[in-house]
Amino acid sequence: MEPAAVALTPKNELSREEKRAKQESAQQEALLREVDDAVRQSDAQAFLDRWGKPLLGLIILALVAFAGYLYWDSRQEAAMERDSETLVGALDQIQAGNLDSGYDRLEELAAGEGSGAAVAAKLMRAGIAEQRGDTDEASALFKQIAADDGAAPAMRDLARLRDVALNYDAMDSADIVAALKPLATPGKPYFASAGELVAHAYLDQDKRAEAGALFAQIAKDQTAPESVRSRARQMAGVLGVDAIEDVEALLAEQGVERESAAGEDAAVATE
C-alpha cells in the first residue's frame, strides 16, 4: 500500500503574527490619515477665522474696482464718440462756409481741458477767428494751446507756429527767433514753415549767413512742400548758398531738359 499524500502549506500564506502586524499597520495608517485630515481642517478653519473676512473684503473691493473700470471705460468711449461727432459737425459747417455756426458748435468742447478733442476744438476756433479777422482772439487761443502742458507736443508746436505767423509783422525779430528756433530744426514736424520764418527774421537782423544756411536746409528737405523748397532754394541762391544737391533731379522735377538748359546757359554766356 502507498503512503497517503500530505497537504503542504502554501509558501505565500501569511502566518498569524504577520497578519496581525499588517492589520495593525493598516490601522495606524488610517489613524494617521484621520489625524492629518483633522489637522488640515483645523489649520484651514484657523486660517479662515483669522483671514476670512479681510480676504472677502479684498475680493469685494476688487470686484467693485473692476465694475468701476468697466463703467469708466464705457463713459470714456461714449464721450469720445460725442466729441468726434461735434468735431465732424463743426467741420461740415466750416466747409459749407458757415463759420459762425461751426464756431458756436465747438464752444462747449473747447471749454474742456486736457483731451485731444478739446485742443482740436480750440485750434479750429482759433482758425475761424483768424478767418473772421479777429486776430486778438485767435492769438489768445493759440497761446492757450501752446502753454497747455496737457496738450500733445505737436499740437502745442503748431499753435506756437500759427501764433507767430499771425503776429509776425508786429513782433521783434529776436522774439520770432526765440519762439520758433526750437521748431526750426531738421526732422521736426514743422521745420520748413518755422525755418522759413526764422530765416526771414535772421535777414531782419542782417544775419545773412545764418539765413542762407537755413534756407539751404529747407530746400534740401525732402519732406517739405515743393512750394516752400522752391522759395528757400531761390533765397539761398540770392544769399550765395548752393542749395541744389542733384541738378539732374531738379531739372527733371521742373520739366526742363538738360540739353535745352545747357543751350540757354550758352546763349546767356554768348550775350
C-alpha atoms as a PDB file:
ATOM      1  CA  MET A   1       0.000   0.000   0.000  1.00  0.00           C
ATOM      2  CA  GLU A   2       1.288   3.525  -0.946  1.00  0.00           C
ATOM      3  CA  PRO A   3       1.610   6.194   1.782  1.00  0.00           C
ATOM      4  CA  ALA A   4      -1.097   8.907   1.811  1.00  0.00           C
ATOM      5  CA  ALA A   5      -0.146  12.300   0.374  1.00  0.00           C
ATOM      6  CA  VAL A   6       0.459  15.017   2.961  1.00  0.00           C
ATOM      7  CA  ALA A   7      -1.017  18.505   2.227  1.00  0.00           C
ATOM      8  CA  LEU A   8       1.679  21.172   2.215  1.00  0.00           C
ATOM      9  CA  THR A   9       1.120  24.717   3.493  1.00  0.00           C
ATOM     10  CA  PRO A  10       1.447  27.248   0.602  1.00  0.00           C
ATOM     11  CA  LYS A  11       4.617  29.224   0.830  1.00  0.00           C
ATOM     12  CA  ASN A  12       2.783  32.556   0.222  1.00  0.00           C
ATOM     13  CA  GLU A  13       0.316  32.065   3.116  1.00  0.00           C
ATOM     14  CA  LEU A  14       0.943  34.568   5.914  1.00  0.00           C
ATOM     15  CA  SER A  15       1.421  33.479   9.452  1.00  0.00           C
ATOM     16  CA  ARG A  16      -0.908  34.618  12.207  1.00  0.00           C
ATOM     17  CA  GLU A  17       1.677  37.075  13.542  1.00  0.00           C
ATOM     18  CA  GLU A  18       2.316  38.568  10.112  1.00  0.00           C
ATOM     19  CA  LYS A  19      -1.407  39.056   9.515  1.00  0.00           C
ATOM     20  CA  ARG A  20      -1.753  40.775  12.859  1.00  0.00           C
ATOM     21  CA  ALA A  21       1.212  43.054  12.146  1.00  0.00           C
ATOM     22  CA  LYS A  22      -0.192  44.010   8.739  1.00  0.00           C
ATOM     23  CA  GLN A  23      -3.617  44.737  10.254  1.00  0.00           C
ATOM     24  CA  GLU A  24      -2.089  46.941  12.938  1.00  0.00           C
ATOM     25  CA  SER A  25      -0.027  48.796  10.313  1.00  0.00           C
ATOM     26  CA  ALA A  26      -3.155  49.481   8.258  1.00  0.00           C
ATOM     27  CA  GLN A  27      -4.983  50.721  11.329  1.00  0.00           C
ATOM     28  CA  GLN A  28      -2.101  53.053  12.190  1.00  0.00           C
ATOM     29  CA  GLU A  29      -2.031  54.421   8.663  1.00  0.00           C
ATOM     30  CA  ALA A  30      -5.777  55.055   8.780  1.00  0.00           C
ATOM     31  CA  LEU A  31      -5.386  56.738  12.159  1.00  0.00           C
ATOM     32  CA  LEU A  32      -2.560  58.927  10.842  1.00  0.00           C
ATOM     33  CA  ARG A  33      -4.655  59.930   7.844  1.00  0.00           C
ATOM     34  CA  GLU A  34      -7.547  60.861  10.110  1.00  0.00           C
ATOM     35  CA  VAL A  35      -5.242  62.869  12.342  1.00  0.00           C
ATOM     36  CA  ASP A  36      -3.692  64.580   9.303  1.00  0.00           C
ATOM     37  CA  ASP A  37      -7.116  65.420   7.897  1.00  0.00           C
ATOM     38  CA  ALA A  38      -8.179  66.767  11.255  1.00  0.00           C
ATOM     39  CA  VAL A  39      -5.034  68.913  11.465  1.00  0.00           C
ATOM     40  CA  ARG A  40      -5.606  70.219   7.931  1.00  0.00           C
ATOM     41  CA  GLN A  41      -9.214  71.064   8.716  1.00  0.00           C
ATOM     42  CA  SER A  42      -8.151  72.716  11.921  1.00  0.00           C
ATOM     43  CA  ASP A  43      -5.497  74.781  10.099  1.00  0.00           C
ATOM     44  CA  ALA A  44      -7.937  75.750   7.388  1.00  0.00           C
ATOM     45  CA  GLN A  45     -10.525  76.743   9.944  1.00  0.00           C
ATOM     46  CA  ALA A  46      -7.962  78.758  11.866  1.00  0.00           C
ATOM     47  CA  PHE A  47      -6.859  80.468   8.649  1.00  0.00           C
ATOM     48  CA  LEU A  48     -10.451  81.305   7.752  1.00  0.00           C
ATOM     49  CA  ASP A  49     -11.178  82.534  11.247  1.00  0.00           C
ATOM     50  CA  ARG A  50      -8.208  84.881  11.054  1.00  0.00           C
ATOM     51  CA  TRP A  51      -8.141  85.926   7.394  1.00  0.00           C
ATOM     52  CA  GLY A  52     -11.568  85.066   6.021  1.00  0.00           C
ATOM     53  CA  LYS A  53     -13.181  88.454   6.493  1.00  0.00           C
ATOM     54  CA  PRO A  54     -10.189  90.504   5.222  1.00  0.00           C
ATOM     55  CA  LEU A  55      -9.927  88.239   2.168  1.00  0.00           C
ATOM     56  CA  LEU A  56     -13.627  88.570   1.497  1.00  0.00           C
ATOM     57  CA  GLY A  57     -13.299  92.350   1.782  1.00  0.00           C
ATOM     58  CA  LEU A  58     -10.417  92.367  -0.698  1.00  0.00           C
ATOM     59  CA  ILE A  59     -12.390  90.264  -3.163  1.00  0.00           C
ATOM     60  CA  ILE A  60     -15.358  92.609  -2.868  1.00  0.00           C
ATOM     61  CA  LEU A  61     -13.109  95.654  -3.371  1.00  0.00           C
ATOM     62  CA  ALA A  62     -11.530  94.059  -6.443  1.00  0.00           C
ATOM     63  CA  LEU A  63     -14.952  93.351  -7.927  1.00  0.00           C
ATOM     64  CA  VAL A  64     -16.130  96.884  -7.200  1.00  0.00           C
ATOM     65  CA  ALA A  65     -12.950  98.337  -8.751  1.00  0.00           C
ATOM     66  CA  PHE A  66     -13.379  96.192 -11.845  1.00  0.00           C
ATOM     67  CA  ALA A  67     -17.009  97.242 -12.191  1.00  0.00           C
ATOM     68  CA  GLY A  68     -15.936 100.872 -11.784  1.00  0.00           C
ATOM     69  CA  TYR A  69     -13.330 100.477 -14.522  1.00  0.00           C
ATOM     70  CA  LEU A  70     -15.900  98.994 -16.895  1.00  0.00           C
ATOM     71  CA  TYR A  71     -18.250 101.897 -16.159  1.00  0.00           C
ATOM     72  CA  TRP A  72     -15.469 104.462 -16.638  1.00  0.00           C
ATOM     73  CA  ASP A  73     -14.366 102.818 -19.879  1.00  0.00           C
ATOM     74  CA  SER A  74     -17.900 102.876 -21.274  1.00  0.00           C
ATOM     75  CA  ARG A  75     -18.242 106.549 -20.297  1.00  0.00           C
ATOM     76  CA  GLN A  76     -14.917 107.342 -21.996  1.00  0.00           C
ATOM     77  CA  GLU A  77     -15.973 105.657 -25.209  1.00  0.00           C
ATOM     78  CA  ALA A  78     -19.302 107.459 -25.185  1.00  0.00           C
ATOM     79  CA  ALA A  79     -17.555 110.802 -24.569  1.00  0.00           C
ATOM     80  CA  MET A  80     -15.115 110.163 -27.413  1.00  0.00           C
ATOM     81  CA  GLU A  81     -17.993 109.401 -29.769  1.00  0.00           C
ATOM     82  CA  ARG A  82     -19.744 112.633 -28.775  1.00  0.00           C
ATOM     83  CA  ASP A  83     -16.540 114.647 -29.232  1.00  0.00           C
ATOM     84  CA  SER A  84     -15.935 113.142 -32.658  1.00  0.00           C
ATOM     85  CA  GLU A  85     -19.492 113.919 -33.735  1.00  0.00           C
ATOM     86  CA  THR A  86     -19.059 117.513 -32.546  1.00  0.00           C
ATOM     87  CA  LEU A  87     -15.805 117.982 -34.459  1.00  0.00           C
ATOM     88  CA  VAL A  88     -17.197 116.447 -37.638  1.00  0.00           C
ATOM     89  CA  GLY A  89     -20.375 118.521 -37.417  1.00  0.00           C
ATOM     90  CA  ALA A  90     -18.388 121.733 -36.908  1.00  0.00           C
ATOM     91  CA  LEU A  91     -16.062 120.866 -39.782  1.00  0.00           C
ATOM     92  CA  ASP A  92     -19.045 120.336 -42.070  1.00  0.00           C
ATOM     93  CA  GLN A  93     -20.345 123.786 -41.149  1.00  0.00           C
ATOM     94  CA  ILE A  94     -16.946 125.390 -41.774  1.00  0.00           C
ATOM     95  CA  GLN A  95     -16.580 123.719 -45.160  1.00  0.00           C
ATOM     96  CA  ALA A  96     -20.061 124.922 -46.058  1.00  0.00           C
ATOM     97  CA  GLY A  97     -18.984 128.479 -45.265  1.00  0.00           C
ATOM     98  CA  ASN A  98     -20.991 128.728 -42.038  1.00  0.00           C
ATOM     99  CA  LEU A  99     -18.129 129.926 -39.863  1.00  0.00           C
ATOM    100  CA  ASP A 100     -20.277 131.312 -37.080  1.00  0.00           C
ATOM    101  CA  SER A 101     -22.266 128.083 -36.773  1.00  0.00           C
ATOM    102  CA  GLY A 102     -19.083 125.994 -36.714  1.00  0.00           C
ATOM    103  CA  TYR A 103     -17.542 128.311 -34.128  1.00  0.00           C
ATOM    104  CA  ASP A 104     -20.578 128.022 -31.845  1.00  0.00           C
ATOM    105  CA  ARG A 105     -20.715 124.221 -32.165  1.00  0.00           C
ATOM    106  CA  LEU A 106     -17.175 123.979 -30.810  1.00  0.00           C
ATOM    107  CA  GLU A 107     -17.687 126.217 -27.773  1.00  0.00           C
ATOM    108  CA  GLU A 108     -18.588 123.542 -25.214  1.00  0.00           C
ATOM    109  CA  LEU A 109     -15.960 121.073 -26.413  1.00  0.00           C
ATOM    110  CA  ALA A 110     -13.222 123.730 -26.489  1.00  0.00           C
ATOM    111  CA  ALA A 111     -14.001 124.627 -22.866  1.00  0.00           C
ATOM    112  CA  GLY A 112     -12.703 121.214 -21.759  1.00  0.00           C
ATOM    113  CA  GLU A 113      -9.172 120.633 -20.584  1.00  0.00           C
ATOM    114  CA  GLY A 114      -6.560 118.029 -21.446  1.00  0.00           C
ATOM    115  CA  SER A 115      -8.304 115.926 -24.071  1.00  0.00           C
ATOM    116  CA  GLY A 116      -7.127 115.857 -27.651  1.00  0.00           C
ATOM    117  CA  ALA A 117     -10.624 116.717 -28.852  1.00  0.00           C
ATOM    118  CA  ALA A 118     -10.687 119.867 -26.703  1.00  0.00           C
ATOM    119  CA  VAL A 119      -7.344 121.004 -28.108  1.00  0.00           C
ATOM    120  CA  ALA A 120      -8.507 120.327 -31.657  1.00  0.00           C
ATOM    121  CA  ALA A 121     -11.668 122.343 -30.984  1.00  0.00           C
ATOM    122  CA  LYS A 122      -9.597 125.286 -29.719  1.00  0.00           C
ATOM    123  CA  LEU A 123      -7.377 125.150 -32.793  1.00  0.00           C
ATOM    124  CA  MET A 124     -10.427 125.154 -35.055  1.00  0.00           C
ATOM    125  CA  ARG A 125     -11.973 128.091 -33.191  1.00  0.00           C
ATOM    126  CA  ALA A 126      -8.681 129.977 -33.435  1.00  0.00           C
ATOM    127  CA  GLY A 127      -8.589 129.343 -37.188  1.00  0.00           C
ATOM    128  CA  ILE A 128     -12.171 130.565 -37.570  1.00  0.00           C
ATOM    129  CA  ALA A 129     -11.390 133.702 -35.539  1.00  0.00           C
ATOM    130  CA  GLU A 130      -8.384 134.346 -37.785  1.00  0.00           C
ATOM    131  CA  GLN A 131     -10.524 133.989 -40.923  1.00  0.00           C
ATOM    132  CA  ARG A 132     -13.074 136.391 -39.467  1.00  0.00           C
ATOM    133  CA  GLY A 133     -10.294 138.928 -38.877  1.00  0.00           C
ATOM    134  CA  ASP A 134     -10.384 138.671 -35.070  1.00  0.00           C
ATOM    135  CA  THR A 135      -6.635 138.330 -34.645  1.00  0.00           C
ATOM    136  CA  ASP A 136      -6.674 139.110 -30.925  1.00  0.00           C
ATOM    137  CA  GLU A 137      -8.997 136.214 -30.117  1.00  0.00           C
ATOM    138  CA  ALA A 138      -7.159 133.879 -32.492  1.00  0.00           C
ATOM    139  CA  SER A 139      -3.818 134.758 -30.936  1.00  0.00           C
ATOM    140  CA  ALA A 140      -5.195 134.270 -27.417  1.00  0.00           C
ATOM    141  CA  LEU A 141      -6.439 130.787 -28.298  1.00  0.00           C
ATOM    142  CA  PHE A 142      -3.154 129.847 -29.956  1.00  0.00           C
ATOM    143  CA  LYS A 143      -1.267 130.981 -26.861  1.00  0.00           C
ATOM    144  CA  GLN A 144      -3.564 128.932 -24.594  1.00  0.00           C
ATOM    145  CA  ILE A 145      -2.821 125.776 -26.551  1.00  0.00           C
ATOM    146  CA  ALA A 146       0.916 126.473 -26.723  1.00  0.00           C
ATOM    147  CA  ALA A 147       1.005 126.857 -22.929  1.00  0.00           C
ATOM    148  CA  ASP A 148      -1.143 123.773 -22.233  1.00  0.00           C
ATOM    149  CA  ASP A 149       1.126 121.097 -20.719  1.00  0.00           C
ATOM    150  CA  GLY A 150      -1.611 118.509 -21.184  1.00  0.00           C
ATOM    151  CA  ALA A 151      -1.782 119.013 -24.955  1.00  0.00           C
ATOM    152  CA  ALA A 152       0.203 116.867 -27.360  1.00  0.00           C
ATOM    153  CA  PRO A 153       3.620 118.388 -28.251  1.00  0.00           C
ATOM    154  CA  ALA A 154       2.739 118.500 -31.955  1.00  0.00           C
ATOM    155  CA  MET A 155      -0.419 120.484 -31.175  1.00  0.00           C
ATOM    156  CA  ARG A 156       1.480 122.893 -28.952  1.00  0.00           C
ATOM    157  CA  ASP A 157       4.148 123.421 -31.617  1.00  0.00           C
ATOM    158  CA  LEU A 158       1.520 124.043 -34.286  1.00  0.00           C
ATOM    159  CA  ALA A 159      -0.248 126.604 -32.089  1.00  0.00           C
ATOM    160  CA  ARG A 160       3.041 128.400 -31.402  1.00  0.00           C
ATOM    161  CA  LEU A 161       3.855 128.470 -35.112  1.00  0.00           C
ATOM    162  CA  ARG A 162       0.412 129.784 -36.054  1.00  0.00           C
ATOM    163  CA  ASP A 163       0.582 132.470 -33.370  1.00  0.00           C
ATOM    164  CA  VAL A 164       3.962 133.740 -34.583  1.00  0.00           C
ATOM    165  CA  ALA A 165       2.822 133.695 -38.211  1.00  0.00           C
ATOM    166  CA  LEU A 166      -0.280 135.648 -37.231  1.00  0.00           C
ATOM    167  CA  ASN A 167       1.698 138.317 -35.338  1.00  0.00           C
ATOM    168  CA  TYR A 168       4.916 138.240 -37.401  1.00  0.00           C
ATOM    169  CA  ASP A 169       4.763 141.838 -38.639  1.00  0.00           C
ATOM    170  CA  ALA A 170       4.218 143.184 -35.134  1.00  0.00           C
ATOM    171  CA  MET A 171       6.890 141.051 -33.443  1.00  0.00           C
ATOM    172  CA  ASP A 172      10.544 141.803 -32.879  1.00  0.00           C
ATOM    173  CA  SER A 173      12.852 139.571 -34.921  1.00  0.00           C
ATOM    174  CA  ALA A 174      14.624 138.379 -31.771  1.00  0.00           C
ATOM    175  CA  ASP A 175      11.306 137.239 -30.288  1.00  0.00           C
ATOM    176  CA  ILE A 176      10.474 135.374 -33.500  1.00  0.00           C
ATOM    177  CA  VAL A 177      13.782 133.515 -33.400  1.00  0.00           C
ATOM    178  CA  ALA A 178      13.382 132.720 -29.701  1.00  0.00           C
ATOM    179  CA  ALA A 179       9.867 131.358 -30.210  1.00  0.00           C
ATOM    180  CA  LEU A 180      10.476 129.273 -33.332  1.00  0.00           C
ATOM    181  CA  LYS A 181      14.138 128.262 -33.270  1.00  0.00           C
ATOM    182  CA  PRO A 182      13.340 125.006 -31.367  1.00  0.00           C
ATOM    183  CA  LEU A 183      10.963 124.123 -34.207  1.00  0.00           C
ATOM    184  CA  ALA A 184      13.326 125.208 -36.993  1.00  0.00           C
ATOM    185  CA  THR A 185      15.406 122.067 -36.744  1.00  0.00           C
ATOM    186  CA  PRO A 186      15.626 119.405 -39.483  1.00  0.00           C
ATOM    187  CA  GLY A 187      13.475 116.433 -38.561  1.00  0.00           C
ATOM    188  CA  LYS A 188      10.922 118.451 -36.610  1.00  0.00           C
ATOM    189  CA  PRO A 189       7.302 118.235 -37.877  1.00  0.00           C
ATOM    190  CA  TYR A 190       7.068 121.928 -38.792  1.00  0.00           C
ATOM    191  CA  PHE A 191      10.698 122.511 -39.731  1.00  0.00           C
ATOM    192  CA  ALA A 192      10.063 124.012 -43.161  1.00  0.00           C
ATOM    193  CA  SER A 193       7.398 126.507 -42.074  1.00  0.00           C
ATOM    194  CA  ALA A 194       9.130 127.501 -38.850  1.00  0.00           C
ATOM    195  CA  GLY A 195      12.539 127.597 -40.533  1.00  0.00           C
ATOM    196  CA  GLU A 196      11.302 129.947 -43.253  1.00  0.00           C
ATOM    197  CA  LEU A 197      10.023 132.434 -40.658  1.00  0.00           C
ATOM    198  CA  VAL A 198      13.230 132.190 -38.625  1.00  0.00           C
ATOM    199  CA  ALA A 199      15.371 132.684 -41.757  1.00  0.00           C
ATOM    200  CA  HIS A 200      13.494 135.890 -42.622  1.00  0.00           C
ATOM    201  CA  ALA A 201      13.932 137.044 -39.027  1.00  0.00           C
ATOM    202  CA  TYR A 202      17.672 136.436 -39.437  1.00  0.00           C
ATOM    203  CA  LEU A 203      17.604 138.671 -42.525  1.00  0.00           C
ATOM    204  CA  ASP A 204      15.906 141.386 -40.487  1.00  0.00           C
ATOM    205  CA  GLN A 205      18.837 141.068 -38.081  1.00  0.00           C
ATOM    206  CA  ASP A 206      21.275 141.240 -41.021  1.00  0.00           C
ATOM    207  CA  LYS A 207      22.467 137.690 -40.302  1.00  0.00           C
ATOM    208  CA  ARG A 208      22.798 136.683 -43.939  1.00  0.00           C
ATOM    209  CA  ALA A 209      24.999 133.651 -43.331  1.00  0.00           C
ATOM    210  CA  GLU A 210      22.575 132.095 -40.832  1.00  0.00           C
ATOM    211  CA  ALA A 211      19.628 132.876 -43.078  1.00  0.00           C
ATOM    212  CA  GLY A 212      21.320 131.381 -46.158  1.00  0.00           C
ATOM    213  CA  ALA A 213      22.285 128.200 -44.334  1.00  0.00           C
ATOM    214  CA  LEU A 214      18.745 127.748 -43.021  1.00  0.00           C
ATOM    215  CA  PHE A 215      17.192 128.366 -46.442  1.00  0.00           C
ATOM    216  CA  ALA A 216      19.546 125.755 -47.902  1.00  0.00           C
ATOM    217  CA  GLN A 217      18.472 123.196 -45.284  1.00  0.00           C
ATOM    218  CA  ILE A 218      14.822 123.819 -46.096  1.00  0.00           C
ATOM    219  CA  ALA A 219      15.487 123.482 -49.832  1.00  0.00           C
ATOM    220  CA  LYS A 220      17.100 120.076 -49.260  1.00  0.00           C
ATOM    221  CA  ASP A 221      14.302 118.794 -47.005  1.00  0.00           C
ATOM    222  CA  GLN A 222      12.529 116.048 -48.956  1.00  0.00           C
ATOM    223  CA  THR A 223       9.522 116.151 -46.609  1.00  0.00           C
ATOM    224  CA  ALA A 224       8.820 119.874 -47.100  1.00  0.00           C
ATOM    225  CA  PRO A 225       6.201 121.076 -49.618  1.00  0.00           C
ATOM    226  CA  GLU A 226       7.744 121.792 -53.018  1.00  0.00           C
ATOM    227  CA  SER A 227       6.490 125.387 -52.978  1.00  0.00           C
ATOM    228  CA  VAL A 228       8.391 126.047 -49.730  1.00  0.00           C
ATOM    229  CA  ARG A 229      11.505 124.271 -51.025  1.00  0.00           C
ATOM    230  CA  SER A 230      11.438 126.293 -54.223  1.00  0.00           C
ATOM    231  CA  ARG A 231      11.236 129.618 -52.342  1.00  0.00           C
ATOM    232  CA  ALA A 232      14.006 128.512 -49.998  1.00  0.00           C
ATOM    233  CA  ARG A 233      16.189 127.445 -52.942  1.00  0.00           C
ATOM    234  CA  GLN A 234      15.791 130.861 -54.560  1.00  0.00           C
ATOM    235  CA  MET A 235      16.521 132.708 -51.323  1.00  0.00           C
ATOM    236  CA  ALA A 236      19.597 130.562 -50.660  1.00  0.00           C
ATOM    237  CA  GLY A 237      20.867 131.332 -54.182  1.00  0.00           C
ATOM    238  CA  VAL A 238      20.344 135.070 -53.668  1.00  0.00           C
ATOM    239  CA  LEU A 239      22.387 134.809 -50.459  1.00  0.00           C
ATOM    240  CA  GLY A 240      25.177 132.934 -52.241  1.00  0.00           C
ATOM    241  CA  VAL A 241      24.494 129.495 -50.772  1.00  0.00           C
ATOM    242  CA  ASP A 242      24.286 126.453 -53.052  1.00  0.00           C
ATOM    243  CA  ALA A 243      21.107 124.604 -52.122  1.00  0.00           C
ATOM    244  CA  ILE A 244      20.995 122.201 -55.071  1.00  0.00           C
ATOM    245  CA  GLU A 245      22.182 118.685 -54.326  1.00  0.00           C
ATOM    246  CA  ASP A 246      21.195 116.988 -57.587  1.00  0.00           C
ATOM    247  CA  VAL A 247      20.938 119.249 -60.632  1.00  0.00           C
ATOM    248  CA  GLU A 248      19.581 116.481 -62.862  1.00  0.00           C
ATOM    249  CA  ALA A 249      16.813 115.641 -60.399  1.00  0.00           C
ATOM    250  CA  LEU A 250      15.885 119.321 -60.026  1.00  0.00           C
ATOM    251  CA  LEU A 251      15.654 119.804 -63.794  1.00  0.00           C
ATOM    252  CA  ALA A 252      13.521 116.673 -64.070  1.00  0.00           C
ATOM    253  CA  GLU A 253      11.171 117.915 -61.359  1.00  0.00           C
ATOM    254  CA  GLN A 254      10.750 121.222 -63.168  1.00  0.00           C
ATOM    255  CA  GLY A 255      10.297 119.535 -66.543  1.00  0.00           C
ATOM    256  CA  VAL A 256      13.413 121.083 -68.061  1.00  0.00           C
ATOM    257  CA  GLU A 257      15.574 119.007 -70.403  1.00  0.00           C
ATOM    258  CA  ARG A 258      19.296 119.026 -69.829  1.00  0.00           C
ATOM    259  CA  GLU A 259      20.180 119.966 -73.435  1.00  0.00           C
ATOM    260  CA  SER A 260      17.782 122.894 -73.554  1.00  0.00           C
ATOM    261  CA  ALA A 261      19.076 124.149 -70.222  1.00  0.00           C
ATOM    262  CA  ALA A 262      22.636 123.888 -71.484  1.00  0.00           C
ATOM    263  CA  GLY A 263      21.661 125.787 -74.645  1.00  0.00           C
ATOM    264  CA  GLU A 264      20.113 128.542 -72.605  1.00  0.00           C
ATOM    265  CA  ASP A 265      23.242 128.797 -70.454  1.00  0.00           C
ATOM    266  CA  ALA A 266      25.419 129.008 -73.578  1.00  0.00           C
ATOM    267  CA  ALA A 267      23.228 131.703 -75.076  1.00  0.00           C
ATOM    268  CA  VAL A 268      23.459 133.695 -71.883  1.00  0.00           C
ATOM    269  CA  ALA A 269      27.247 133.321 -71.869  1.00  0.00           C
ATOM    270  CA  THR A 270      27.469 134.459 -75.532  1.00  0.00           C
ATOM    271  CA  GLU A 271      25.463 137.541 -74.828  1.00  0.00           C
END
